[in-house]
């Protein structure tokens, strides 16, 4: 069960409680579920009961109990608990991990895009091209709109942000044209960058390489300064390198597995190698952290599109790469020594491939390559 599916399940429970007059509140348009703030509090949490309590005129924990009873036994949910003043904590069933990996692998390059399946997707270059002095007209019948400049400390960053936003907002299901070249239209706004910005980006790309240049410009939040390094560093201290290296490592695992005669298949990833009972909890956290990042990737794309913040995608990829390496060390996907490939290795390889899918998809939205070898 993904966060989106869990959100819809909780929404159905609210709607059912309202229809059967257990609650007298307007049914919200959507319900937010997210990873709990502390480990050991389930897989996901929601504050929906606290949000509805005032409208219902009842204590939040009482509202939470009404929803908890409706949610217990729902497909994919193993346990629902009430915490604090009225938070709902959800523990997913054993099959949730397998279903998530299967879903990511089935969707492949479309995972994270609401436009998948014929409802949109990442489009080609926008036909809208203009200079900084020209108004924007997307069709002969459409009234002229004055262009607005991308809020950016420099033109090169503005151009990189405009291009990334075109891809991200399209992937979020808005069906928007890509902001490519000197200008592009994104939603209701026209992002205009003059030729000097393109030249600045080209100079930076020639100096650092296209991937590093885009990462340097897109990684900082809008209010943070851009720090341009003297030269790109191809080591783990460079977050862009870590993300690309994590993807390359996934592809190496797939190649090595093929040489051993097996391929990934979603299933139980089993127990971690060795370790004491005291180490079991951190190891379990490494697995849960990776699964959570894979599951929340689609919602992160939507938030990045809504807030016009490609830096959120970059940070999510960083976290995913770091979580992948921690999990990889705890749960080696390949057999060790003379051990033969087992079902658990197939399951781990499938989870590694799902991680690579998310990394590759996110890099593509930022306009950065996902190398098979590094």
Protein backbone atom coordinates (compact mmCIF):
# COMPACT_ATOMS: atom_id res chain seq x y z
CA UNK A 1 0.00 0.00 0.00
CA UNK A 2 1.41 3.39 -1.02
CA UNK A 3 0.82 6.64 0.92
CA UNK A 4 -1.65 7.70 -1.78
CA UNK A 5 -3.62 4.47 -1.39
CA UNK A 6 -3.56 4.80 2.41
CA UNK A 7 -4.76 8.39 2.11
CA UNK A 8 -7.71 7.26 -0.03
CA UNK A 9 -8.51 4.49 2.46
CA UNK A 10 -8.60 6.97 5.35
CA UNK A 11 -10.71 9.35 3.26
CA UNK A 12 -13.22 6.57 2.64
CA UNK A 13 -13.43 5.94 6.38
CA UNK A 14 -14.21 9.62 6.99
CA UNK A 15 -16.82 9.63 4.24
CA UNK A 16 -18.42 6.48 5.67
CA UNK A 17 -18.53 7.98 9.17
CA UNK A 18 -20.23 11.10 7.80
CA UNK A 19 -22.74 9.16 5.70
CA UNK A 20 -23.69 7.01 8.69
CA UNK A 21 -23.88 10.13 10.90
CA UNK A 22 -21.12 9.10 13.27
CA UNK A 23 -19.44 12.40 12.41
CA UNK A 24 -21.00 15.67 11.35
CA UNK A 25 -18.20 17.36 9.38
CA UNK A 26 -17.50 18.38 5.78
CA UNK A 27 -15.58 15.59 4.05
CA UNK A 28 -12.09 16.92 3.25
CA UNK A 29 -10.87 16.86 -0.34
CA UNK A 30 -7.75 14.94 0.62
CA UNK A 31 -6.03 13.54 3.68
CA UNK A 32 -2.31 13.75 4.29
CA UNK A 33 -0.43 10.71 5.56
CA UNK A 34 3.30 10.85 6.12
CA UNK A 35 6.08 8.96 7.88
CA UNK A 36 5.81 9.31 11.68
CA UNK A 37 8.20 11.77 13.35
CA UNK A 38 9.77 9.03 15.49
CA UNK A 39 10.75 5.41 14.75
CA UNK A 40 8.57 2.76 16.33
CA UNK A 41 5.32 4.62 15.71
CA UNK A 42 4.17 2.58 12.73
CA UNK A 43 4.82 3.10 9.05
CA UNK A 44 2.68 6.20 8.50
CA UNK A 45 0.72 8.71 10.55
CA UNK A 46 -2.10 11.19 10.01
CA UNK A 47 -3.48 14.10 12.02
CA UNK A 48 -6.89 13.94 10.32
CA UNK A 49 -8.71 13.43 13.64
CA UNK A 50 -7.20 16.62 15.06
CA UNK A 51 -8.27 18.50 11.92
CA UNK A 52 -11.85 17.27 12.13
CA UNK A 53 -12.30 17.51 15.91
CA UNK A 54 -13.20 21.19 16.09
CA UNK A 55 -15.74 20.93 13.25
CA UNK A 56 -17.23 17.81 14.84
CA UNK A 57 -17.37 19.45 18.28
CA UNK A 58 -15.80 16.37 19.84
CA UNK A 59 -12.40 15.49 21.37
CA UNK A 60 -9.78 14.53 18.81
CA UNK A 61 -9.14 11.14 20.41
CA UNK A 62 -12.87 10.36 20.18
CA UNK A 63 -12.85 11.21 16.47
CA UNK A 64 -9.70 9.12 16.06
CA UNK A 65 -11.36 6.13 17.72
CA UNK A 66 -14.33 6.36 15.32
CA UNK A 67 -11.95 6.27 12.36
CA UNK A 68 -9.72 3.61 13.91
CA UNK A 69 -12.62 1.17 14.22
CA UNK A 70 -13.48 1.71 10.57
CA UNK A 71 -9.90 1.28 9.41
CA UNK A 72 -9.08 -1.88 11.37
CA UNK A 73 -9.09 -4.83 9.00
CA UNK A 74 -8.70 -2.73 5.86
CA UNK A 75 -6.69 -4.43 3.13
CA UNK A 76 -3.00 -3.67 3.51
CA UNK A 77 -3.28 -2.29 7.07
CA UNK A 78 -2.09 -4.57 9.86
CA UNK A 79 -2.61 -2.23 12.83
CA UNK A 80 -4.08 1.21 13.60
CA UNK A 81 -3.18 2.94 16.86
CA UNK A 82 -4.02 6.27 18.45
CA UNK A 83 -1.12 8.32 19.75
CA UNK A 84 -0.87 11.55 21.70
CA UNK A 85 -3.80 13.95 21.40
CA UNK A 86 -5.33 12.02 18.50
CA UNK A 87 -2.81 11.02 15.85
CA UNK A 88 -3.56 7.88 13.87
CA UNK A 89 -0.52 5.62 13.42
CA UNK A 90 -0.67 2.94 10.72
CA UNK A 91 1.36 -0.24 10.48
CA UNK A 92 1.08 -1.81 7.06
CA UNK A 93 0.68 -5.52 6.43
CA UNK A 94 3.51 -7.86 5.50
CA UNK A 95 2.54 -7.72 1.83
CA UNK A 96 2.88 -3.92 1.62
CA UNK A 97 6.61 -4.07 0.94
CA UNK A 98 6.19 -6.61 -1.84
CA UNK A 99 3.30 -4.65 -3.39
CA UNK A 100 5.32 -1.42 -3.34
CA UNK A 101 8.33 -2.98 -5.08
CA UNK A 102 6.09 -4.68 -7.63
CA UNK A 103 4.31 -1.39 -8.32
CA UNK A 104 7.53 0.57 -8.81
CA UNK A 105 8.98 -2.04 -11.15
CA UNK A 106 5.73 -2.36 -13.12
CA UNK A 107 5.49 1.39 -13.72
CA UNK A 108 9.19 1.83 -14.39
CA UNK A 109 9.97 5.22 -15.92
CA UNK A 110 6.37 6.33 -15.28
CA UNK A 111 6.57 5.79 -11.49
CA UNK A 112 5.90 9.08 -9.77
CA UNK A 113 4.00 10.56 -12.69
CA UNK A 114 0.29 11.04 -12.26
CA UNK A 115 0.16 11.39 -16.04
CA UNK A 116 1.16 7.74 -16.53
CA UNK A 117 -1.17 5.51 -18.49
CA UNK A 118 -2.26 7.90 -21.20
CA UNK A 119 -3.17 10.84 -18.96
CA UNK A 120 -0.18 13.02 -19.67
CA UNK A 121 3.51 12.58 -18.96
CA UNK A 122 6.69 14.48 -19.60
CA UNK A 123 6.18 16.29 -22.88
CA UNK A 124 8.64 17.43 -25.50
CA UNK A 125 10.01 20.94 -25.95
CA UNK A 126 7.55 23.77 -25.66
CA UNK A 127 6.61 25.63 -28.83
CA UNK A 128 6.67 28.84 -26.80
CA UNK A 129 9.92 30.69 -27.30
CA UNK A 130 10.42 34.37 -26.67
CA UNK A 131 12.91 36.94 -25.54
CA UNK A 132 12.79 38.73 -22.22
CA UNK A 133 11.14 41.75 -23.88
CA UNK A 134 8.35 39.91 -25.70
CA UNK A 135 4.93 39.11 -24.22
CA UNK A 136 3.85 35.48 -24.24
CA UNK A 137 1.07 34.17 -26.47
CA UNK A 138 0.47 30.40 -26.52
CA UNK A 139 -2.16 30.50 -29.27
CA UNK A 140 -3.66 33.00 -31.72
CA UNK A 141 -6.92 33.20 -29.72
CA UNK A 142 -5.36 33.51 -26.30
CA UNK A 143 -4.92 37.03 -24.86
CA UNK A 144 -1.38 38.25 -24.45
CA UNK A 145 0.13 37.68 -20.99
CA UNK A 146 3.08 39.67 -19.78
CA UNK A 147 6.01 37.36 -18.96
CA UNK A 148 7.32 37.06 -15.43
CA UNK A 149 10.94 36.40 -14.66
CA UNK A 150 11.96 33.37 -12.67
CA UNK A 151 12.82 34.53 -9.12
CA UNK A 152 16.51 33.72 -9.15
CA UNK A 153 19.80 35.31 -8.11
CA UNK A 154 21.21 34.78 -11.60
CA UNK A 155 20.06 33.92 -15.09
CA UNK A 156 21.72 30.51 -15.27
CA UNK A 157 19.87 29.36 -12.17
CA UNK A 158 16.62 30.76 -13.50
CA UNK A 159 16.97 28.82 -16.73
CA UNK A 160 17.81 25.57 -14.92
CA UNK A 161 14.85 26.03 -12.57
CA UNK A 162 12.47 26.80 -15.43
CA UNK A 163 13.51 23.70 -17.34
CA UNK A 164 13.28 21.45 -14.28
CA UNK A 165 9.90 22.88 -13.28
CA UNK A 166 8.51 22.14 -16.72
CA UNK A 167 9.44 18.47 -16.34
CA UNK A 168 8.37 18.22 -12.69
CA UNK A 169 5.01 19.89 -13.10
CA UNK A 170 4.26 17.76 -16.14
CA UNK A 171 5.20 14.61 -14.21
CA UNK A 172 2.89 15.73 -11.41
CA UNK A 173 0.02 15.34 -13.85
CA UNK A 174 -0.55 18.92 -14.88
CA UNK A 175 0.11 18.14 -18.56
CA UNK A 176 2.18 21.27 -18.98
CA UNK A 177 4.63 22.08 -21.74
CA UNK A 178 8.28 21.77 -20.98
CA UNK A 179 10.25 24.95 -20.39
CA UNK A 180 13.09 24.40 -22.84
CA UNK A 181 15.66 26.59 -24.52
CA UNK A 182 15.39 30.34 -24.02
CA UNK A 183 11.87 30.34 -22.58
CA UNK A 184 8.86 28.24 -21.82
CA UNK A 185 5.33 28.37 -20.45
CA UNK A 186 4.64 26.58 -17.19
CA UNK A 187 1.04 26.57 -16.05
CA UNK A 188 -0.39 30.06 -15.71
CA UNK A 189 3.05 31.66 -15.61
CA UNK A 190 5.51 32.29 -18.41
CA UNK A 191 9.09 31.86 -17.30
CA UNK A 192 11.31 34.02 -19.48
CA UNK A 193 15.08 33.86 -19.56
CA UNK A 194 17.14 35.93 -21.95
CA UNK A 195 20.01 34.71 -24.11
CA UNK A 196 22.57 35.80 -21.54
CA UNK A 197 21.17 33.25 -19.10
CA UNK A 198 21.62 30.47 -21.66
CA UNK A 199 25.20 31.60 -22.20
CA UNK A 200 25.84 31.63 -18.44
CA UNK A 201 24.50 28.10 -18.11
CA UNK A 202 26.58 26.92 -21.07
CA UNK A 203 29.75 28.41 -19.55
CA UNK A 204 29.03 26.78 -16.18
CA UNK A 205 28.30 23.44 -17.85
CA UNK A 206 31.55 23.62 -19.80
CA UNK A 207 33.44 24.26 -16.59
CA UNK A 208 31.76 21.73 -14.28
CA UNK A 209 30.02 19.35 -16.67
CA UNK A 210 26.31 19.53 -17.44
CA UNK A 211 25.23 17.26 -14.56
CA UNK A 212 27.20 19.07 -11.86
CA UNK A 213 26.16 22.48 -13.17
CA UNK A 214 22.47 21.62 -13.00
CA UNK A 215 22.79 20.02 -9.57
CA UNK A 216 24.63 23.08 -8.20
CA UNK A 217 21.86 25.36 -9.48
CA UNK A 218 18.86 23.19 -8.54
CA UNK A 219 19.92 21.74 -5.17
CA UNK A 220 19.69 24.94 -3.05
CA UNK A 221 16.27 26.13 -1.98
CA UNK A 222 15.05 29.37 -3.56
CA UNK A 223 16.13 31.44 -0.55
CA UNK A 224 19.57 29.81 -0.27
CA UNK A 225 22.66 31.05 -2.09
CA UNK A 226 24.22 29.09 -4.92
CA UNK A 227 27.75 27.93 -4.13
CA UNK A 228 29.66 27.02 -7.26
CA UNK A 229 32.65 24.72 -6.66
CA UNK A 230 35.98 25.23 -8.39
CA UNK A 231 35.69 21.77 -9.92
CA UNK A 232 33.34 18.78 -9.63
CA UNK A 233 34.41 16.20 -7.05
CA UNK A 234 33.80 12.58 -8.00
CA UNK A 235 33.60 11.18 -4.49
CA UNK A 236 31.02 10.44 -1.81
CA UNK A 237 31.29 13.91 -0.28
CA UNK A 238 29.52 15.21 -3.41
CA UNK A 239 25.75 14.49 -3.08
CA UNK A 240 25.22 14.56 -6.86
CA UNK A 241 27.92 11.91 -7.24
CA UNK A 242 26.35 9.80 -4.46
CA UNK A 243 22.98 9.81 -6.21
CA UNK A 244 24.46 8.86 -9.57
CA UNK A 245 26.76 6.30 -7.96
CA UNK A 246 23.83 4.69 -6.15
CA UNK A 247 22.05 4.23 -9.48
CA UNK A 248 25.21 2.88 -11.12
CA UNK A 249 25.61 0.46 -8.19
CA UNK A 250 22.07 -0.83 -8.76
CA UNK A 251 22.83 -1.50 -12.41
CA UNK A 252 26.05 -3.29 -11.44
CA UNK A 253 24.07 -5.51 -9.06
CA UNK A 254 21.68 -6.43 -11.87
CA UNK A 255 24.56 -7.27 -14.18
CA UNK A 256 26.32 -9.34 -11.52
CA UNK A 257 23.11 -11.19 -10.70
CA UNK A 258 22.62 -12.03 -14.37
CA UNK A 259 26.12 -13.53 -14.42
CA UNK A 260 25.09 -15.69 -11.43
CA UNK A 261 21.95 -16.77 -13.28
CA UNK A 262 19.16 -14.99 -11.39
CA UNK A 263 17.07 -11.83 -11.57
CA UNK A 264 15.01 -9.77 -9.17
CA UNK A 265 11.58 -10.87 -8.00
CA UNK A 266 9.53 -8.96 -5.38
CA UNK A 267 9.32 -10.85 -2.10
CA UNK A 268 10.47 -11.00 1.51
CA UNK A 269 13.96 -9.50 1.82
CA UNK A 270 14.59 -11.63 4.92
CA UNK A 271 16.82 -10.89 7.88
CA UNK A 272 19.94 -8.78 7.86
CA UNK A 273 23.36 -10.38 8.01
CA UNK A 274 24.68 -11.10 11.51
CA UNK A 275 24.25 -8.51 14.23
CA UNK A 276 23.06 -8.71 17.82
CA UNK A 277 19.59 -8.12 19.19
CA UNK A 278 20.65 -4.60 20.14
CA UNK A 279 21.53 -3.93 16.50
CA UNK A 280 18.27 -5.31 15.12
CA UNK A 281 16.28 -2.07 15.48
CA UNK A 282 18.70 0.15 13.52
CA UNK A 283 18.89 -2.50 10.82
CA UNK A 284 15.12 -2.66 10.56
CA UNK A 285 15.10 1.14 10.34
CA UNK A 286 17.43 1.07 7.33
CA UNK A 287 14.92 -1.10 5.47
CA UNK A 288 11.91 0.97 6.53
CA UNK A 289 13.66 4.23 5.66
CA UNK A 290 14.32 3.05 2.11
CA UNK A 291 10.78 1.73 1.63
CA UNK A 292 9.31 4.99 2.91
CA UNK A 293 11.40 7.07 0.50
CA UNK A 294 10.35 4.90 -2.44
CA UNK A 295 6.69 5.09 -1.43
CA UNK A 296 6.69 8.87 -0.88
CA UNK A 297 8.50 9.74 -4.13
CA UNK A 298 5.27 10.39 -6.12
CA UNK A 299 3.89 12.73 -3.45
CA UNK A 300 7.23 14.54 -3.29
CA UNK A 301 7.00 15.24 -7.02
CA UNK A 302 3.53 16.72 -6.54
CA UNK A 303 4.72 18.94 -3.69
CA UNK A 304 7.76 20.09 -5.68
CA UNK A 305 5.50 21.01 -8.59
CA UNK A 306 3.02 22.86 -6.39
CA UNK A 307 5.71 24.82 -4.54
CA UNK A 308 7.87 25.29 -7.64
CA UNK A 309 10.75 23.77 -5.74
CA UNK A 310 12.98 21.39 -7.73
CA UNK A 311 15.34 21.41 -4.73
CA UNK A 312 12.85 19.11 -2.96
CA UNK A 313 13.39 16.48 -5.64
CA UNK A 314 17.16 16.78 -5.31
CA UNK A 315 17.00 16.35 -1.52
CA UNK A 316 14.66 13.36 -1.85
CA UNK A 317 17.14 11.72 -4.22
CA UNK A 318 19.99 12.37 -1.78
CA UNK A 319 18.03 10.75 1.03
CA UNK A 320 17.10 7.80 -1.19
CA UNK A 321 20.72 7.22 -2.24
CA UNK A 322 21.94 7.37 1.36
CA UNK A 323 19.16 5.04 2.52
CA UNK A 324 19.95 2.62 -0.30
CA UNK A 325 23.61 2.35 0.71
CA UNK A 326 22.69 1.77 4.37
CA UNK A 327 20.16 -0.90 3.42
CA UNK A 328 22.57 -2.46 0.92
CA UNK A 329 25.15 -2.94 3.67
CA UNK A 330 22.58 -4.53 6.01
CA UNK A 331 20.84 -6.67 3.36
CA UNK A 332 23.37 -7.67 0.65
CA UNK A 333 21.44 -8.39 -2.57
CA UNK A 334 24.04 -10.85 -3.92
CA UNK A 335 25.04 -14.21 -2.44
CA UNK A 336 28.14 -14.16 -0.25
CA UNK A 337 31.04 -16.50 -0.99
CA UNK A 338 29.96 -19.89 -2.34
CA UNK A 339 26.32 -19.38 -1.37
CA UNK A 340 23.80 -20.08 -4.11
CA UNK A 341 21.17 -17.48 -5.06
CA UNK A 342 18.06 -17.86 -2.92
CA UNK A 343 14.59 -16.37 -3.03
CA UNK A 344 15.73 -13.73 -0.53
CA UNK A 345 18.44 -12.57 -2.95
CA UNK A 346 15.86 -12.22 -5.72
CA UNK A 347 13.69 -10.14 -3.39
CA UNK A 348 16.59 -7.92 -2.38
CA UNK A 349 17.64 -7.43 -5.98
CA UNK A 350 14.06 -6.39 -6.85
CA UNK A 351 14.12 -3.81 -4.05
CA UNK A 352 17.47 -2.54 -5.31
CA UNK A 353 16.02 -2.23 -8.83
CA UNK A 354 13.04 -0.30 -7.44
CA UNK A 355 15.49 2.07 -5.73
CA UNK A 356 17.31 2.54 -9.02
CA UNK A 357 14.03 3.30 -10.75
CA UNK A 358 13.26 6.15 -8.34
CA UNK A 359 16.80 7.53 -8.61
CA UNK A 360 16.75 7.45 -12.41
CA UNK A 361 13.28 9.01 -12.63
CA UNK A 362 14.20 11.85 -10.29
CA UNK A 363 17.48 12.58 -12.08
CA UNK A 364 15.63 12.69 -15.39
CA UNK A 365 13.18 15.28 -14.04
CA UNK A 366 16.12 17.45 -13.01
CA UNK A 367 17.74 17.06 -16.42
CA UNK A 368 20.67 15.09 -14.99
CA UNK A 369 21.97 11.81 -16.41
CA UNK A 370 21.67 8.43 -14.71
CA UNK A 371 24.85 6.58 -15.77
CA UNK A 372 24.92 2.79 -15.91
CA UNK A 373 28.66 2.85 -15.21
CA UNK A 374 30.48 5.25 -12.92
